[in-house]
C-alpha atoms as a PDB file:
ATOM      1  CA  MET A   1     127.259  56.317 139.224  1.00  0.00           C
ATOM      2  CA  ARG A   2     127.223  55.942 135.446  1.00  0.00           C
ATOM      3  CA  THR A   3     127.676  58.998 133.236  1.00  0.00           C
ATOM      4  CA  PHE A   4     125.074  59.151 130.474  1.00  0.00           C
ATOM      5  CA  GLU A   5     125.504  60.770 127.075  1.00  0.00           C
ATOM      6  CA  ALA A   6     122.432  62.003 125.204  1.00  0.00           C
ATOM      7  CA  LYS A   7     122.389  60.309 121.814  1.00  0.00           C
ATOM      8  CA  THR A   8     120.476  61.222 118.683  1.00  0.00           C
ATOM      9  CA  SER A   9     118.138  59.784 116.106  1.00  0.00           C
ATOM     10  CA  ILE A  10     121.128  58.000 114.570  1.00  0.00           C
ATOM     11  CA  ASP A  11     120.245  55.297 117.130  1.00  0.00           C
ATOM     12  CA  LEU A  12     116.795  54.986 115.567  1.00  0.00           C
ATOM     13  CA  PHE A  13     118.247  54.959 112.056  1.00  0.00           C
ATOM     14  CA  ASP A  14     120.716  52.165 112.920  1.00  0.00           C
ATOM     15  CA  GLN A  15     118.042  49.984 114.492  1.00  0.00           C
ATOM     16  CA  LEU A  16     115.672  50.387 111.539  1.00  0.00           C
ATOM     17  CA  ILE A  17     118.474  49.348 109.187  1.00  0.00           C
ATOM     18  CA  ASP A  18     119.062  46.147 111.181  1.00  0.00           C
ATOM     19  CA  LEU A  19     115.341  45.358 111.510  1.00  0.00           C
ATOM     20  CA  ALA A  20     114.862  45.860 107.782  1.00  0.00           C
ATOM     21  CA  ARG A  21     117.713  43.486 107.062  1.00  0.00           C
ATOM     22  CA  GLN A  22     116.349  40.864 109.493  1.00  0.00           C
ATOM     23  CA  HIS A  23     113.035  40.903 107.616  1.00  0.00           C
ATOM     24  CA  ASP A  24     114.791  40.751 104.202  1.00  0.00           C
ATOM     25  CA  LEU A  25     113.308  44.098 103.229  1.00  0.00           C
ATOM     26  CA  ILE A  26     116.660  45.430 102.080  1.00  0.00           C
ATOM     27  CA  SER A  27     119.659  43.668 100.584  1.00  0.00           C
ATOM     28  CA  LYS A  28     123.104  43.381 102.164  1.00  0.00           C
ATOM     29  CA  LEU A  29     124.353  45.971  99.678  1.00  0.00           C
ATOM     30  CA  GLU A  30     121.523  48.399 100.531  1.00  0.00           C
ATOM     31  CA  ALA A  31     122.091  47.879 104.253  1.00  0.00           C
ATOM     32  CA  ALA A  32     125.788  48.598 103.768  1.00  0.00           C
ATOM     33  CA  GLY A  33     124.899  51.812 101.972  1.00  0.00           C
ATOM     34  CA  PHE A  34     122.618  52.977 104.769  1.00  0.00           C
ATOM     35  CA  ARG A  35     125.215  52.039 107.394  1.00  0.00           C
ATOM     36  CA  LYS A  36     127.807  54.055 105.502  1.00  0.00           C
ATOM     37  CA  ALA A  37     125.444  57.048 105.596  1.00  0.00           C
ATOM     38  CA  SER A  38     124.974  56.488 109.335  1.00  0.00           C
ATOM     39  CA  ALA A  39     128.725  56.380 109.894  1.00  0.00           C
ATOM     40  CA  VAL A  40     129.151  59.673 108.034  1.00  0.00           C
ATOM     41  CA  LEU A  41     126.438  61.257 110.172  1.00  0.00           C
ATOM     42  CA  LYS A  42     128.068  60.008 113.377  1.00  0.00           C
ATOM     43  CA  LYS A  43     131.438  61.369 112.317  1.00  0.00           C
ATOM     44  CA  GLY A  44     130.016  64.734 111.368  1.00  0.00           C
ATOM     45  CA  HIS A  45     127.895  65.328 114.459  1.00  0.00           C
ATOM     46  CA  SER A  46     128.615  65.345 118.178  1.00  0.00           C
ATOM     47  CA  ALA A  47     126.770  62.916 120.486  1.00  0.00           C
ATOM     48  CA  GLY A  48     124.242  65.560 121.435  1.00  0.00           C
ATOM     49  CA  SER A  49     123.495  66.848 117.928  1.00  0.00           C
ATOM     50  CA  HIS A  50     120.763  65.900 115.522  1.00  0.00           C
ATOM     51  CA  MET A  51     121.094  63.986 112.259  1.00  0.00           C
ATOM     52  CA  GLY A  52     119.392  64.848 108.984  1.00  0.00           C
ATOM     53  CA  GLU A  53     115.811  63.567 109.082  1.00  0.00           C
ATOM     54  CA  GLU A  54     115.788  62.828 105.357  1.00  0.00           C
ATOM     55  CA  ALA A  55     117.862  59.658 105.847  1.00  0.00           C
ATOM     56  CA  VAL A  56     115.123  58.095 107.995  1.00  0.00           C
ATOM     57  CA  LEU A  57     112.434  59.218 105.531  1.00  0.00           C
ATOM     58  CA  GLU A  58     114.355  57.666 102.637  1.00  0.00           C
ATOM     59  CA  LEU A  59     114.601  54.377 104.511  1.00  0.00           C
ATOM     60  CA  GLY A  60     110.943  54.519 105.540  1.00  0.00           C
ATOM     61  CA  THR A  61     109.885  55.033 101.926  1.00  0.00           C
ATOM     62  CA  LEU A  62     111.937  52.045 100.807  1.00  0.00           C
ATOM     63  CA  LEU A  63     110.564  49.780 103.561  1.00  0.00           C
ATOM     64  CA  THR A  64     106.989  50.777 102.785  1.00  0.00           C
ATOM     65  CA  ASP A  65     107.475  50.078  99.089  1.00  0.00           C
ATOM     66  CA  ARG A  66     109.131  46.707  99.724  1.00  0.00           C
ATOM     67  CA  TRP A  67     106.477  45.506 102.167  1.00  0.00           C
ATOM     68  CA  GLY A  68     103.587  46.975 100.209  1.00  0.00           C
ATOM     69  CA  GLY A  69     102.247  49.419 102.794  1.00  0.00           C
ATOM     70  CA  PRO A  70     103.023  51.476 105.921  1.00  0.00           C
ATOM     71  CA  GLU A  71     101.803  48.648 108.171  1.00  0.00           C
ATOM     72  CA  VAL A  72     105.388  47.374 108.080  1.00  0.00           C
ATOM     73  CA  GLY A  73     105.932  49.872 110.917  1.00  0.00           C
ATOM     74  CA  ALA A  74     103.912  47.581 113.209  1.00  0.00           C
ATOM     75  CA  VAL A  75     105.859  44.540 112.022  1.00  0.00           C
ATOM     76  CA  LEU A  76     109.204  46.118 112.873  1.00  0.00           C
ATOM     77  CA  ALA A  77     107.996  47.534 116.196  1.00  0.00           C
ATOM     78  CA  LEU A  78     107.401  44.010 117.476  1.00  0.00           C
ATOM     79  CA  LYS A  79     111.175  43.517 117.415  1.00  0.00           C
ATOM     80  CA  THR A  80     112.219  46.901 118.787  1.00  0.00           C
ATOM     81  CA  ASP A  81     115.239  46.745 121.086  1.00  0.00           C
ATOM     82  CA  LEU A  82     114.794  49.652 123.493  1.00  0.00           C
ATOM     83  CA  THR A  83     118.387  49.375 124.672  1.00  0.00           C
ATOM     84  CA  ARG A  84     119.381  50.633 121.215  1.00  0.00           C
ATOM     85  CA  LEU A  85     117.309  53.809 121.281  1.00  0.00           C
ATOM     86  CA  GLY A  86     119.900  55.915 123.048  1.00  0.00           C
ATOM     87  CA  ILE A  87     119.132  57.991 126.080  1.00  0.00           C
ATOM     88  CA  LEU A  88     115.359  57.793 125.605  1.00  0.00           C
ATOM     89  CA  GLY A  89     115.428  54.003 125.409  1.00  0.00           C
ATOM     90  CA  GLU A  90     117.422  53.802 128.639  1.00  0.00           C
ATOM     91  CA  LEU A  91     115.084  56.252 130.347  1.00  0.00           C
ATOM     92  CA  ILE A  92     112.055  54.186 129.272  1.00  0.00           C
ATOM     93  CA  LEU A  93     113.602  51.000 130.658  1.00  0.00           C
ATOM     94  CA  GLN A  94     114.377  52.699 133.989  1.00  0.00           C
ATOM     95  CA  SER A  95     110.848  54.095 134.472  1.00  0.00           C
ATOM     96  CA  GLU A  96     108.746  52.643 137.278  1.00  0.00           C
ATOM     97  CA  THR A  97     105.293  52.643 135.619  1.00  0.00           C
ATOM     98  CA  PRO A  98     103.779  52.770 132.093  1.00  0.00           C
ATOM     99  CA  GLN A  99     102.435  56.245 132.871  1.00  0.00           C
ATOM    100  CA  ALA A 100     105.988  57.407 133.623  1.00  0.00           C
ATOM    101  CA  VAL A 101     107.178  55.905 130.335  1.00  0.00           C
ATOM    102  CA  PHE A 102     104.501  57.695 128.323  1.00  0.00           C
ATOM    103  CA  TYR A 103     105.334  60.979 130.027  1.00  0.00           C
ATOM    104  CA  GLN A 104     109.016  60.616 129.157  1.00  0.00           C
ATOM    105  CA  MET A 105     108.205  59.672 125.567  1.00  0.00           C
ATOM    106  CA  ALA A 106     106.070  62.787 125.179  1.00  0.00           C
ATOM    107  CA  ARG A 107     108.766  64.917 126.743  1.00  0.00           C
ATOM    108  CA  PHE A 108     111.867  63.581 124.990  1.00  0.00           C
ATOM    109  CA  ASN A 109     110.778  62.006 121.691  1.00  0.00           C
ATOM    110  CA  ARG A 110     112.575  64.776 119.775  1.00  0.00           C
ATOM    111  CA  LEU A 111     115.855  63.119 120.735  1.00  0.00           C
ATOM    112  CA  LEU A 112     114.908  60.352 118.301  1.00  0.00           C
ATOM    113  CA  ASN A 113     112.855  62.224 115.716  1.00  0.00           C
ATOM    114  CA  GLN A 114     112.779  65.989 115.682  1.00  0.00           C
ATOM    115  CA  ARG A 115     109.779  66.182 113.370  1.00  0.00           C
ATOM    116  CA  SER A 116     107.702  63.741 115.405  1.00  0.00           C
ATOM    117  CA  ALA A 117     105.920  64.489 118.690  1.00  0.00           C
ATOM    118  CA  PHE A 118     103.719  62.794 121.279  1.00  0.00           C
ATOM    119  CA  GLU A 119     101.107  64.471 123.461  1.00  0.00           C
ATOM    120  CA  LEU A 120      99.928  62.708 126.623  1.00  0.00           C
ATOM    121  CA  THR A 121      96.383  63.324 127.875  1.00  0.00           C
ATOM    122  CA  THR A 122      94.421  61.593 130.610  1.00  0.00           C
ATOM    123  CA  THR A 123      90.847  61.318 131.813  1.00  0.00           C
ATOM    124  CA  PRO A 124      89.602  59.374 134.838  1.00  0.00           C
ATOM    125  CA  TYR A 125      89.283  56.270 132.620  1.00  0.00           C
ATOM    126  CA  ARG A 126      91.631  56.706 129.654  1.00  0.00           C
ATOM    127  CA  LEU A 127      95.271  57.495 128.961  1.00  0.00           C
ATOM    128  CA  THR A 128      95.887  58.657 125.403  1.00  0.00           C
ATOM    129  CA  MET A 129      99.087  59.209 123.453  1.00  0.00           C
ATOM    130  CA  THR A 130      98.541  61.357 120.360  1.00  0.00           C
ATOM    131  CA  HIS A 131     101.213  61.356 117.670  1.00  0.00           C
ATOM    132  CA  SER A 132     101.900  64.139 115.189  1.00  0.00           C
ATOM    133  CA  HIS A 133     104.447  64.521 112.425  1.00  0.00           C
ATOM    134  CA  ALA A 134     105.610  67.664 110.703  1.00  0.00           C
ATOM    135  CA  ARG A 135     104.299  68.008 107.184  1.00  0.00           C
ATOM    136  CA  VAL A 136     106.325  66.329 104.469  1.00  0.00           C
ATOM    137  CA  GLY A 137     106.082  66.520 100.697  1.00  0.00           C
ATOM    138  CA  PRO A 138     104.302  63.915  98.550  1.00  0.00           C
ATOM    139  CA  ARG A 139     107.589  62.089  98.066  1.00  0.00           C
ATOM    140  CA  PHE A 140     107.691  61.125 101.742  1.00  0.00           C
ATOM    141  CA  SER A 141     103.964  60.800 102.545  1.00  0.00           C
ATOM    142  CA  ARG A 142     104.096  56.995 102.813  1.00  0.00           C
ATOM    143  CA  ALA A 143     107.218  57.238 104.943  1.00  0.00           C
ATOM    144  CA  ALA A 144     105.347  59.559 107.315  1.00  0.00           C
ATOM    145  CA  GLN A 145     102.518  57.006 107.595  1.00  0.00           C
ATOM    146  CA  PHE A 146     105.099  54.297 108.275  1.00  0.00           C
ATOM    147  CA  GLY A 147     106.622  56.519 110.957  1.00  0.00           C
ATOM    148  CA  THR A 148     103.253  57.104 112.615  1.00  0.00           C
ATOM    149  CA  ILE A 149     102.472  53.379 112.760  1.00  0.00           C
ATOM    150  CA  TRP A 150     105.984  52.583 113.997  1.00  0.00           C
ATOM    151  CA  ALA A 151     105.821  55.252 116.715  1.00  0.00           C
ATOM    152  CA  LEU A 152     102.347  54.338 117.987  1.00  0.00           C
ATOM    153  CA  ALA A 153     103.105  50.621 117.781  1.00  0.00           C
ATOM    154  CA  ASN A 154     106.052  51.139 120.112  1.00  0.00           C
ATOM    155  CA  VAL A 155     103.721  53.000 122.489  1.00  0.00           C
ATOM    156  CA  ALA A 156     101.154  50.184 122.275  1.00  0.00           C
ATOM    157  CA  LEU A 157     103.826  47.604 123.120  1.00  0.00           C
ATOM    158  CA  ILE A 158     105.278  49.418 126.168  1.00  0.00           C
ATOM    159  CA  PRO A 159     103.342  47.401 128.789  1.00  0.00           C
ATOM    160  CA  GLU A 160     104.615  44.155 127.246  1.00  0.00           C
ATOM    161  CA  HIS A 161     108.139  45.160 126.211  1.00  0.00           C
ATOM    162  CA  VAL A 162     109.031  47.051 129.399  1.00  0.00           C
ATOM    163  CA  PHE A 163     106.870  45.469 132.102  1.00  0.00           C
ATOM    164  CA  GLY A 164     105.983  42.018 130.726  1.00  0.00           C
ATOM    165  CA  ALA A 165     102.254  42.815 130.990  1.00  0.00           C
ATOM    166  CA  ALA A 166      99.881  41.626 128.266  1.00  0.00           C
ATOM    167  CA  VAL A 167      97.965  44.909 128.013  1.00  0.00           C
ATOM    168  CA  ARG A 168      97.007  46.387 124.666  1.00  0.00           C
ATOM    169  CA  PRO A 169      95.337  49.721 123.867  1.00  0.00           C
ATOM    170  CA  VAL A 170      91.540  49.861 123.979  1.00  0.00           C
ATOM    171  CA  SER A 171      91.539  51.818 120.702  1.00  0.00           C
ATOM    172  CA  ALA A 172      93.821  53.161 117.990  1.00  0.00           C
ATOM    173  CA  HIS A 173      93.158  55.971 115.507  1.00  0.00           C
ATOM    174  CA  PHE A 174      95.146  56.926 112.418  1.00  0.00           C
ATOM    175  CA  ASP A 175      94.937  60.105 110.355  1.00  0.00           C
ATOM    176  CA  PHE A 176      95.274  58.399 106.965  1.00  0.00           C
ATOM    177  CA  ALA A 177      93.493  55.755 104.914  1.00  0.00           C
ATOM    178  CA  ALA A 178      93.601  52.098 105.956  1.00  0.00           C
ATOM    179  CA  PRO A 179      96.418  50.069 104.385  1.00  0.00           C
ATOM    180  CA  ALA A 180      95.608  46.919 102.433  1.00  0.00           C
ATOM    181  CA  ASP A 181      97.041  44.517 105.019  1.00  0.00           C
ATOM    182  CA  LEU A 182      95.472  45.058 108.436  1.00  0.00           C
ATOM    183  CA  GLU A 183      96.750  41.879 110.100  1.00  0.00           C
ATOM    184  CA  PRO A 184      99.960  43.453 111.503  1.00  0.00           C
ATOM    185  CA  ILE A 185      97.933  46.442 112.731  1.00  0.00           C
ATOM    186  CA  HIS A 186      95.458  44.236 114.604  1.00  0.00           C
ATOM    187  CA  LYS A 187      98.290  42.137 116.035  1.00  0.00           C
ATOM    188  CA  VAL A 188      99.785  45.185 117.745  1.00  0.00           C
ATOM    189  CA  PHE A 189      96.794  47.445 118.404  1.00  0.00           C
ATOM    190  CA  GLY A 190      93.896  45.020 118.881  1.00  0.00           C
ATOM    191  CA  SER A 191      90.515  45.111 117.151  1.00  0.00           C
ATOM    192  CA  SER A 192      89.261  48.652 117.804  1.00  0.00           C
ATOM    193  CA  ILE A 193      90.998  50.577 115.006  1.00  0.00           C
ATOM    194  CA  LEU A 194      89.772  53.544 112.975  1.00  0.00           C
ATOM    195  CA  PHE A 195      91.392  55.263 109.990  1.00  0.00           C
ATOM    196  CA  GLU A 196      90.986  58.692 108.379  1.00  0.00           C
ATOM    197  CA  GLN A 197      90.564  60.267 111.807  1.00  0.00           C
ATOM    198  CA  PRO A 198      91.463  63.852 112.793  1.00  0.00           C
ATOM    199  CA  ALA A 199      94.522  62.656 114.724  1.00  0.00           C
ATOM    200  CA  ALA A 200      96.648  59.558 115.226  1.00  0.00           C
ATOM    201  CA  ALA A 201      96.490  58.183 118.766  1.00  0.00           C
ATOM    202  CA  VAL A 202      96.302  55.134 121.010  1.00  0.00           C
ATOM    203  CA  SER A 203      94.257  54.976 124.215  1.00  0.00           C
ATOM    204  CA  PHE A 204      94.685  52.693 127.205  1.00  0.00           C
ATOM    205  CA  ASP A 205      92.292  51.740 129.997  1.00  0.00           C
ATOM    206  CA  ARG A 206      93.874  53.412 133.036  1.00  0.00           C
ATOM    207  CA  ALA A 207      92.493  50.754 135.372  1.00  0.00           C
ATOM    208  CA  ARG A 208      94.510  48.088 133.536  1.00  0.00           C
ATOM    209  CA  LEU A 209      97.702  50.144 133.810  1.00  0.00           C
ATOM    210  CA  LYS A 210      97.242  51.042 137.487  1.00  0.00           C
ATOM    211  CA  ASP A 211      98.968  48.048 139.066  1.00  0.00           C
ATOM    212  CA  ILE A 212     101.758  47.642 136.509  1.00  0.00           C
ATOM    213  CA  ARG A 213     105.122  48.671 137.952  1.00  0.00           C
ATOM    214  CA  LYS A 214     108.664  47.469 138.504  1.00  0.00           C
ATOM    215  CA  ASP A 215     111.548  48.290 140.817  1.00  0.00           C
ATOM    216  CA  THR A 216     113.958  50.906 139.496  1.00  0.00           C
ATOM    217  CA  SER A 217     116.957  52.880 140.691  1.00  0.00           C
ATOM    218  CA  LEU A 218     115.935  56.474 141.362  1.00  0.00           C
ATOM    219  CA  PRO A 219     119.522  57.849 141.121  1.00  0.00           C
ATOM    220  CA  VAL A 220     120.034  56.174 137.733  1.00  0.00           C
ATOM    221  CA  TRP A 221     116.639  57.348 136.497  1.00  0.00           C
ATOM    222  CA  LYS A 222     117.387  60.898 137.612  1.00  0.00           C
ATOM    223  CA  ALA A 223     120.790  60.861 135.902  1.00  0.00           C
ATOM    224  CA  LEU A 224     119.137  59.693 132.694  1.00  0.00           C
ATOM    225  CA  GLU A 225     116.461  62.365 132.893  1.00  0.00           C
ATOM    226  CA  ASP A 226     119.075  65.079 133.419  1.00  0.00           C
ATOM    227  CA  ALA A 227     121.089  63.808 130.456  1.00  0.00           C
ATOM    228  CA  ALA A 228     117.977  63.746 128.261  1.00  0.00           C
ATOM    229  CA  GLU A 229     117.172  67.323 129.285  1.00  0.00           C
ATOM    230  CA  ARG A 230     120.679  68.417 128.287  1.00  0.00           C
ATOM    231  CA  GLY A 231     120.295  66.506 125.048  1.00  0.00           C
ATOM    232  CA  LEU A 232     117.183  68.446 124.083  1.00  0.00           C
ATOM    233  CA  ASP A 233     119.127  71.671 124.360  1.00  0.00           C
ATOM    234  CA  ASP A 234     121.544  70.379 121.722  1.00  0.00           C
ATOM    235  CA  VAL A 235     118.888  69.471 119.150  1.00  0.00           C
ATOM    236  CA  PRO A 236     118.917  72.324 116.616  1.00  0.00           C
ATOM    237  CA  ALA A 237     115.718  73.651 115.094  1.00  0.00           C
ATOM    238  CA  LEU A 238     115.095  72.420 111.543  1.00  0.00           C
ATOM    239  CA  ASP A 239     112.360  74.965 111.023  1.00  0.00           C
ATOM    240  CA  SER A 240     110.866  77.969 112.764  1.00  0.00           C
ATOM    241  CA  VAL A 241     109.837  77.154 116.314  1.00  0.00           C
ATOM    242  CA  ALA A 242     107.733  80.319 116.327  1.00  0.00           C
ATOM    243  CA  GLY A 243     105.855  79.080 113.252  1.00  0.00           C
ATOM    244  CA  ARG A 244     105.160  75.728 114.893  1.00  0.00           C
ATOM    245  CA  VAL A 245     104.001  77.444 118.090  1.00  0.00           C
ATOM    246  CA  ARG A 246     101.607  79.622 116.083  1.00  0.00           C
ATOM    247  CA  HIS A 247     100.261  76.613 114.219  1.00  0.00           C
ATOM    248  CA  HIS A 248      99.521  74.750 117.452  1.00  0.00           C
ATOM    249  CA  LEU A 249      97.975  77.801 119.109  1.00  0.00           C
ATOM    250  CA  GLY A 250      95.722  78.377 116.108  1.00  0.00           C
ATOM    251  CA  GLU A 251      94.578  74.759 116.014  1.00  0.00           C
ATOM    252  CA  HIS A 252      93.568  74.794 119.685  1.00  0.00           C
ATOM    253  CA  MET A 253      92.094  78.271 120.003  1.00  0.00           C
ATOM    254  CA  ALA A 254      88.424  77.736 120.810  1.00  0.00           C
ATOM    255  CA  GLY A 255      87.463  79.564 123.973  1.00  0.00           C
ATOM    256  CA  SER A 256      90.868  79.207 125.623  1.00  0.00           C
ATOM    257  CA  ILE A 257      94.563  79.543 124.916  1.00  0.00           C
ATOM    258  CA  ALA A 258      96.772  76.463 125.006  1.00  0.00           C
ATOM    259  CA  SER A 259      99.183  76.648 127.927  1.00  0.00           C
ATOM    260  CA  GLU A 260     102.892  77.164 127.419  1.00  0.00           C
ATOM    261  CA  SER A 261     103.610  73.717 128.860  1.00  0.00           C
ATOM    262  CA  SER A 262     101.097  71.955 126.582  1.00  0.00           C
ATOM    263  CA  VAL A 263     102.518  73.649 123.475  1.00  0.00           C
ATOM    264  CA  ALA A 264     106.055  72.745 124.518  1.00  0.00           C
ATOM    265  CA  ALA A 265     104.981  69.125 125.042  1.00  0.00           C
ATOM    266  CA  ARG A 266     103.326  69.087 121.617  1.00  0.00           C
ATOM    267  CA  LEU A 267     106.577  70.276 120.083  1.00  0.00           C
ATOM    268  CA  GLY A 268     108.551  67.683 122.024  1.00  0.00           C
ATOM    269  CA  MET A 269     110.466  70.284 124.036  1.00  0.00           C
ATOM    270  CA  SER A 270     110.754  71.353 127.615  1.00  0.00           C
ATOM    271  CA  VAL A 271     109.276  74.778 128.383  1.00  0.00           C
ATOM    272  CA  ARG A 272     112.787  76.092 129.006  1.00  0.00           C
ATOM    273  CA  THR A 273     114.029  74.856 125.628  1.00  0.00           C
ATOM    274  CA  MET A 274     111.028  76.333 123.799  1.00  0.00           C
ATOM    275  CA  GLN A 275     111.538  79.667 125.547  1.00  0.00           C
ATOM    276  CA  ARG A 276     115.194  79.698 124.518  1.00  0.00           C
ATOM    277  CA  ARG A 277     114.383  78.801 120.910  1.00  0.00           C
ATOM    278  CA  LEU A 278     111.756  81.519 120.677  1.00  0.00           C
ATOM    279  CA  SER A 279     114.189  84.017 122.188  1.00  0.00           C
ATOM    280  CA  ASP A 280     116.779  83.049 119.561  1.00  0.00           C
ATOM    281  CA  GLU A 281     114.148  83.874 116.921  1.00  0.00           C
ATOM    282  CA  GLY A 282     113.475  87.255 118.511  1.00  0.00           C
ATOM    283  CA  THR A 283     110.083  86.455 119.995  1.00  0.00           C
ATOM    284  CA  SER A 284     108.376  84.901 123.024  1.00  0.00           C
ATOM    285  CA  PHE A 285     105.397  82.696 123.792  1.00  0.00           C
ATOM    286  CA  ARG A 286     103.337  85.712 124.893  1.00  0.00           C
ATOM    287  CA  GLN A 287     104.145  87.531 121.636  1.00  0.00           C
ATOM    288  CA  GLU A 288     103.117  84.493 119.586  1.00  0.00           C
ATOM    289  CA  VAL A 289      99.823  84.204 121.487  1.00  0.00           C
ATOM    290  CA  ASP A 290      99.190  87.870 120.780  1.00  0.00           C
ATOM    291  CA  ALA A 291     100.036  87.463 117.076  1.00  0.00           C
ATOM    292  CA  VAL A 292      97.702  84.471 116.663  1.00  0.00           C
ATOM    293  CA  ARG A 293      94.885  86.286 118.444  1.00  0.00           C
ATOM    294  CA  SER A 294      95.378  89.345 116.230  1.00  0.00           C
ATOM    295  CA  GLU A 295      95.404  87.331 113.013  1.00  0.00           C
ATOM    296  CA  THR A 296      92.384  85.270 114.062  1.00  0.00           C
ATOM    297  CA  ALA A 297      90.457  88.390 115.102  1.00  0.00           C
ATOM    298  CA  ARG A 298      91.079  90.059 111.747  1.00  0.00           C
ATOM    299  CA  GLN A 299      89.727  86.985 109.947  1.00  0.00           C
ATOM    300  CA  LEU A 300      86.663  86.556 112.155  1.00  0.00           C
ATOM    301  CA  LEU A 301      85.716  90.224 112.003  1.00  0.00           C
ATOM    302  CA  GLY A 302      85.152  89.758 108.288  1.00  0.00           C
ATOM    303  CA  ASP A 303      82.314  87.287 108.986  1.00  0.00           C
ATOM    304  CA  ARG A 304      79.301  89.341 110.100  1.00  0.00           C
ATOM    305  CA  ARG A 305      77.505  86.164 111.208  1.00  0.00           C
ATOM    306  CA  ILE A 306      79.833  85.959 114.220  1.00  0.00           C
ATOM    307  CA  SER A 307      79.092  88.418 117.013  1.00  0.00           C
ATOM    308  CA  LEU A 308      81.822  90.418 118.707  1.00  0.00           C
ATOM    309  CA  SER A 309      81.136  88.570 121.953  1.00  0.00           C
ATOM    310  CA  GLU A 310      81.604  85.230 120.185  1.00  0.00           C
ATOM    311  CA  ILE A 311      84.883  86.410 118.671  1.00  0.00           C
ATOM    312  CA  ALA A 312      86.090  87.523 122.110  1.00  0.00           C
ATOM    313  CA  PHE A 313      85.216  84.065 123.471  1.00  0.00           C
ATOM    314  CA  ARG A 314      86.974  82.250 120.625  1.00  0.00           C
ATOM    315  CA  LEU A 315      90.112  84.292 121.274  1.00  0.00           C
ATOM    316  CA  GLY A 316      90.098  83.254 124.918  1.00  0.00           C
ATOM    317  CA  TYR A 317      88.966  86.561 126.405  1.00  0.00           C
ATOM    318  CA  GLY A 318      86.577  86.358 129.347  1.00  0.00           C
ATOM    319  CA  GLU A 319      85.116  89.788 128.661  1.00  0.00           C
ATOM    320  CA  LEU A 320      84.329  91.824 125.556  1.00  0.00           C
ATOM    321  CA  ALA A 321      86.140  94.800 127.112  1.00  0.00           C
ATOM    322  CA  ALA A 322      89.428  92.872 127.082  1.00  0.00           C
ATOM    323  CA  PHE A 323      88.961  92.131 123.366  1.00  0.00           C
ATOM    324  CA  ASN A 324      88.175  95.799 122.679  1.00  0.00           C
ATOM    325  CA  HIS A 325      91.364  96.862 124.465  1.00  0.00           C
ATOM    326  CA  ALA A 326      93.458  94.337 122.494  1.00  0.00           C
ATOM    327  CA  ALA A 327      91.913  95.403 119.167  1.00  0.00           C
ATOM    328  CA  LEU A 328      92.789  99.040 119.829  1.00  0.00           C
ATOM    329  CA  ARG A 329      96.383  97.955 120.383  1.00  0.00           C
ATOM    330  CA  TRP A 330      96.458  95.715 117.284  1.00  0.00           C
ATOM    331  CA  PHE A 331      94.502  97.742 114.781  1.00  0.00           C
ATOM    332  CA  GLY A 332      94.322 101.237 116.220  1.00  0.00           C
ATOM    333  CA  GLN A 333      90.529 101.019 116.308  1.00  0.00           C
ATOM    334  CA  SER A 334      87.745  99.114 118.037  1.00  0.00           C
ATOM    335  CA  PRO A 335      86.470  95.753 116.714  1.00  0.00           C
ATOM    336  CA  GLY A 336      83.160  97.395 115.769  1.00  0.00           C
ATOM    337  CA  SER A 337      84.905 100.116 113.761  1.00  0.00           C
ATOM    338  CA  LEU A 338      87.095  97.612 111.959  1.00  0.00           C
ATOM    339  CA  ARG A 339      84.072  95.452 111.125  1.00  0.00           C
ATOM    340  CA  ARG A 340      82.155  98.453 109.713  1.00  0.00           C
ATOM    341  CA  GLU A 341      85.216  99.361 107.682  1.00  0.00           C
ATOM    342  CA  LYS A 342      85.398  95.867 106.254  1.00  0.00           C
ATOM    343  CA  GLU A 343      81.682  95.851 105.436  1.00  0.00           C
ATOM    344  CA  ALA A 344      82.082  99.097 103.504  1.00  0.00           C
ATOM    345  CA  VAL A 345      84.627  97.519 101.144  1.00  0.00           C
ATOM    346  CA  PRO A 346      83.160  95.397  98.263  1.00  0.00           C
ATOM    347  CA  GLU A 347      84.187  91.717  98.560  1.00  0.00           C
ATOM    348  CA  ASN A 348      85.978  91.739  95.191  1.00  0.00           C
ATOM    349  CA  GLU A 349      88.245  94.559  96.454  1.00  0.00           C
ATOM    350  CA  ARG A 350      89.212  93.005  99.776  1.00  0.00           C
END
């Protein structure tokens, strides 16, 4: 059986350089410069480590400027060679169904781009892949838009590129303004496209994906999955995992608490990897849930229009008594006492 090494986002960087050159978006001299940077990164990092993300952002900014907009991500995705995307590309090509591919992309995308993540959700009729990207400064905002289009375009093209099936998404949403040239977007995503949406995502009709499959080797697929899992453990954190966990918990706290597995998937990690990262930072998932609940409770208690029962519900507590018990632990007093204390303080002194 083959032995698989988990590769890094250097694979993605190298392919983007070649695609840019094929489309005459960068000169031979510029391509040589980027390849030199790639060679330095390969020399300085082991096969399982993670390259600096800024190199990809620099290239994305240049490509967007040369083309005239972030839609160039869709143009380049049409020529993606999955065999050149390291361990994740091989795992995609060895998957039996599109659903299996999307699951693996959501699970292991961090091997290619640590600051980018997919979340897979399904309903009886739709399969949706939502893409998120860590915040970047104004300098790289267009590169982030390019990255979102590139990432979702590759998702949209999975049925065709992996299974030879002419199936496109039923809809595509993007969380930024529409670019000037929509033709490449429509070519990849179809006609149902919306911009300036709360999240970036593509949705497929599950009925059209149901019968798409191909023969694969289970032992090879399993070896690839194990190698990808080991690879995730070698991807160092570029920022606080605890901070990212808190951000995701806060965004999804509305009557329930996001599960540990869903938060890990959103961060592009396995649950085991997220637990280890949090432990390295001196915390745990349960502690972060508690911290977000405490912070949210303190904020909501300052708004007298929201009842204590409503606050308890928003924090994911089934009973007011559970919220009261938690507040005593957090604040040393009941929610009602803390609210009265806040109301007694003039707003300009809070």
